[in-house]
Amino acid sequence: MNNVALQLTNRGYRTQLIDTGAPDANEKFKLRITSQGGFVDLYSRNRIWMFDKLDAQGKVDPARKNEILENRRGFPFQPVPANAAPIEIADALLYGFVISPVSKT
């Protein structure tokens, strides 16, 4: 999770590691990513990466909760496995339009 945060930070995103308090080690942490107009919470569950979209107030959009992060570089789209390289996870977030590109102005 820290390496994913580092990949995103290097690309200009603000990230925050959140302790969910869950007893299961696989669901204990999630990564909050600041994106235009809101946030994205990234976490792994059932050996795949998932995310929730939140608005600017931090409220979860029910239609964008527990979505599976997919690798959209090939076809058919495949879920990103929990053991994927951090760069693959960051690319999947960008190519899947889960997070907006950072403005370089």
Protein backbone atom coordinates (compact mmCIF):
# COMPACT_ATOMS: atom_id res chain seq x y z
CA MET A 1 0.00 0.00 0.00
CA ASN A 2 2.85 2.39 0.82
CA ASN A 3 4.46 1.73 -2.57
CA VAL A 4 1.17 2.53 -4.33
CA ALA A 5 1.00 5.80 -2.35
CA LEU A 6 4.58 6.56 -3.40
CA GLN A 7 3.76 5.92 -7.08
CA LEU A 8 0.78 8.28 -6.90
CA THR A 9 2.67 10.92 -4.92
CA ASN A 10 5.43 10.88 -7.54
CA ARG A 11 2.74 11.59 -10.15
CA GLY A 12 1.47 14.61 -8.22
CA TYR A 13 -1.45 13.15 -6.24
CA ARG A 14 -2.08 13.69 -2.55
CA THR A 15 -2.58 10.46 -0.63
CA GLN A 16 -3.44 9.49 2.93
CA LEU A 17 -3.20 6.04 4.50
CA ILE A 18 -6.28 5.31 6.64
CA ASP A 19 -6.54 2.62 9.33
CA THR A 20 -10.04 1.16 9.02
CA GLY A 21 -9.82 -0.74 12.30
CA ALA A 22 -10.84 -3.97 10.57
CA PRO A 23 -9.51 -7.13 12.26
CA ASP A 24 -8.61 -8.73 8.89
CA ALA A 25 -5.09 -7.70 7.88
CA ASN A 26 -6.11 -7.55 4.21
CA GLU A 27 -8.81 -4.98 4.93
CA LYS A 28 -7.07 -3.05 7.71
CA PHE A 29 -5.88 -0.12 5.57
CA LYS A 30 -7.17 1.89 2.67
CA LEU A 31 -5.54 4.63 0.67
CA ARG A 32 -7.43 7.91 0.19
CA ILE A 33 -6.46 9.69 -3.03
CA THR A 34 -7.42 13.30 -3.67
CA SER A 35 -8.84 13.70 -7.15
CA GLN A 36 -10.61 16.60 -8.83
CA GLY A 37 -13.88 17.27 -7.06
CA GLY A 38 -13.56 14.51 -4.47
CA PHE A 39 -11.68 11.50 -3.21
CA VAL A 40 -11.10 7.87 -4.07
CA ASP A 41 -10.60 5.21 -1.37
CA LEU A 42 -8.49 2.32 -2.66
CA TYR A 43 -8.31 -1.01 -0.84
CA SER A 44 -7.81 -4.72 -1.45
CA ARG A 45 -10.48 -7.30 -0.73
CA ASN A 46 -10.80 -10.92 -1.84
CA ARG A 47 -7.38 -10.75 -3.53
CA ILE A 48 -8.31 -7.88 -5.88
CA TRP A 49 -8.12 -4.08 -5.71
CA MET A 50 -11.37 -2.19 -5.20
CA PHE A 51 -12.34 1.44 -4.73
CA ASP A 52 -15.05 3.80 -3.51
CA LYS A 53 -15.68 7.25 -5.02
CA LEU A 54 -16.40 10.04 -2.54
CA ASP A 55 -17.63 13.56 -3.14
CA ALA A 56 -15.88 16.72 -1.89
CA GLN A 57 -17.55 16.34 1.54
CA GLY A 58 -16.25 12.77 1.90
CA LYS A 59 -19.62 11.06 1.37
CA VAL A 60 -19.58 7.82 -0.59
CA ASP A 61 -21.56 7.78 -3.83
CA PRO A 62 -23.72 4.60 -3.49
CA ALA A 63 -23.39 3.95 -7.22
CA ARG A 64 -19.58 4.05 -6.96
CA LYS A 65 -19.04 1.88 -3.86
CA ASN A 66 -17.10 -1.40 -3.83
CA GLU A 67 -16.13 -1.11 -7.50
CA ILE A 68 -13.52 -3.47 -8.86
CA LEU A 69 -10.36 -1.83 -10.19
CA GLU A 70 -9.81 -3.17 -13.71
CA ASN A 71 -6.78 -3.19 -15.95
CA ARG A 72 -8.05 -1.40 -19.06
CA ARG A 73 -4.90 -1.68 -21.14
CA GLY A 74 -6.03 -4.87 -22.84
CA PHE A 75 -9.25 -6.59 -23.71
CA PRO A 76 -11.14 -8.14 -22.03
CA PHE A 77 -10.68 -6.00 -18.90
CA GLN A 78 -9.28 -7.93 -15.95
CA PRO A 79 -9.51 -7.17 -12.21
CA VAL A 80 -6.20 -5.91 -10.82
CA PRO A 81 -4.91 -8.59 -8.42
CA ALA A 82 -3.89 -7.60 -4.89
CA ASN A 83 -0.30 -8.67 -5.61
CA ALA A 84 0.04 -6.41 -8.68
CA ALA A 85 3.03 -4.09 -8.95
CA PRO A 86 2.39 -0.56 -7.61
CA ILE A 87 2.92 0.96 -11.06
CA GLU A 88 0.20 -1.34 -12.48
CA ILE A 89 -2.23 -0.19 -9.80
CA ALA A 90 -1.48 3.50 -10.44
CA ASP A 91 -1.84 2.99 -14.20
CA ALA A 92 -5.16 1.16 -13.74
CA LEU A 93 -6.48 4.10 -11.70
CA LEU A 94 -5.55 6.52 -14.48
CA TYR A 95 -6.46 4.46 -17.55
CA GLY A 96 -9.77 3.45 -15.96
CA PHE A 97 -10.59 7.13 -15.31
CA VAL A 98 -10.99 6.40 -11.59
CA ILE A 99 -8.81 9.44 -10.82
CA SER A 100 -8.41 12.54 -12.92
CA PRO A 101 -4.99 13.49 -14.28
CA VAL A 102 -3.11 16.05 -12.21
CA SER A 103 -2.94 19.49 -13.81
CA LYS A 104 0.65 20.53 -14.50
CA THR A 105 -0.06 24.29 -14.48
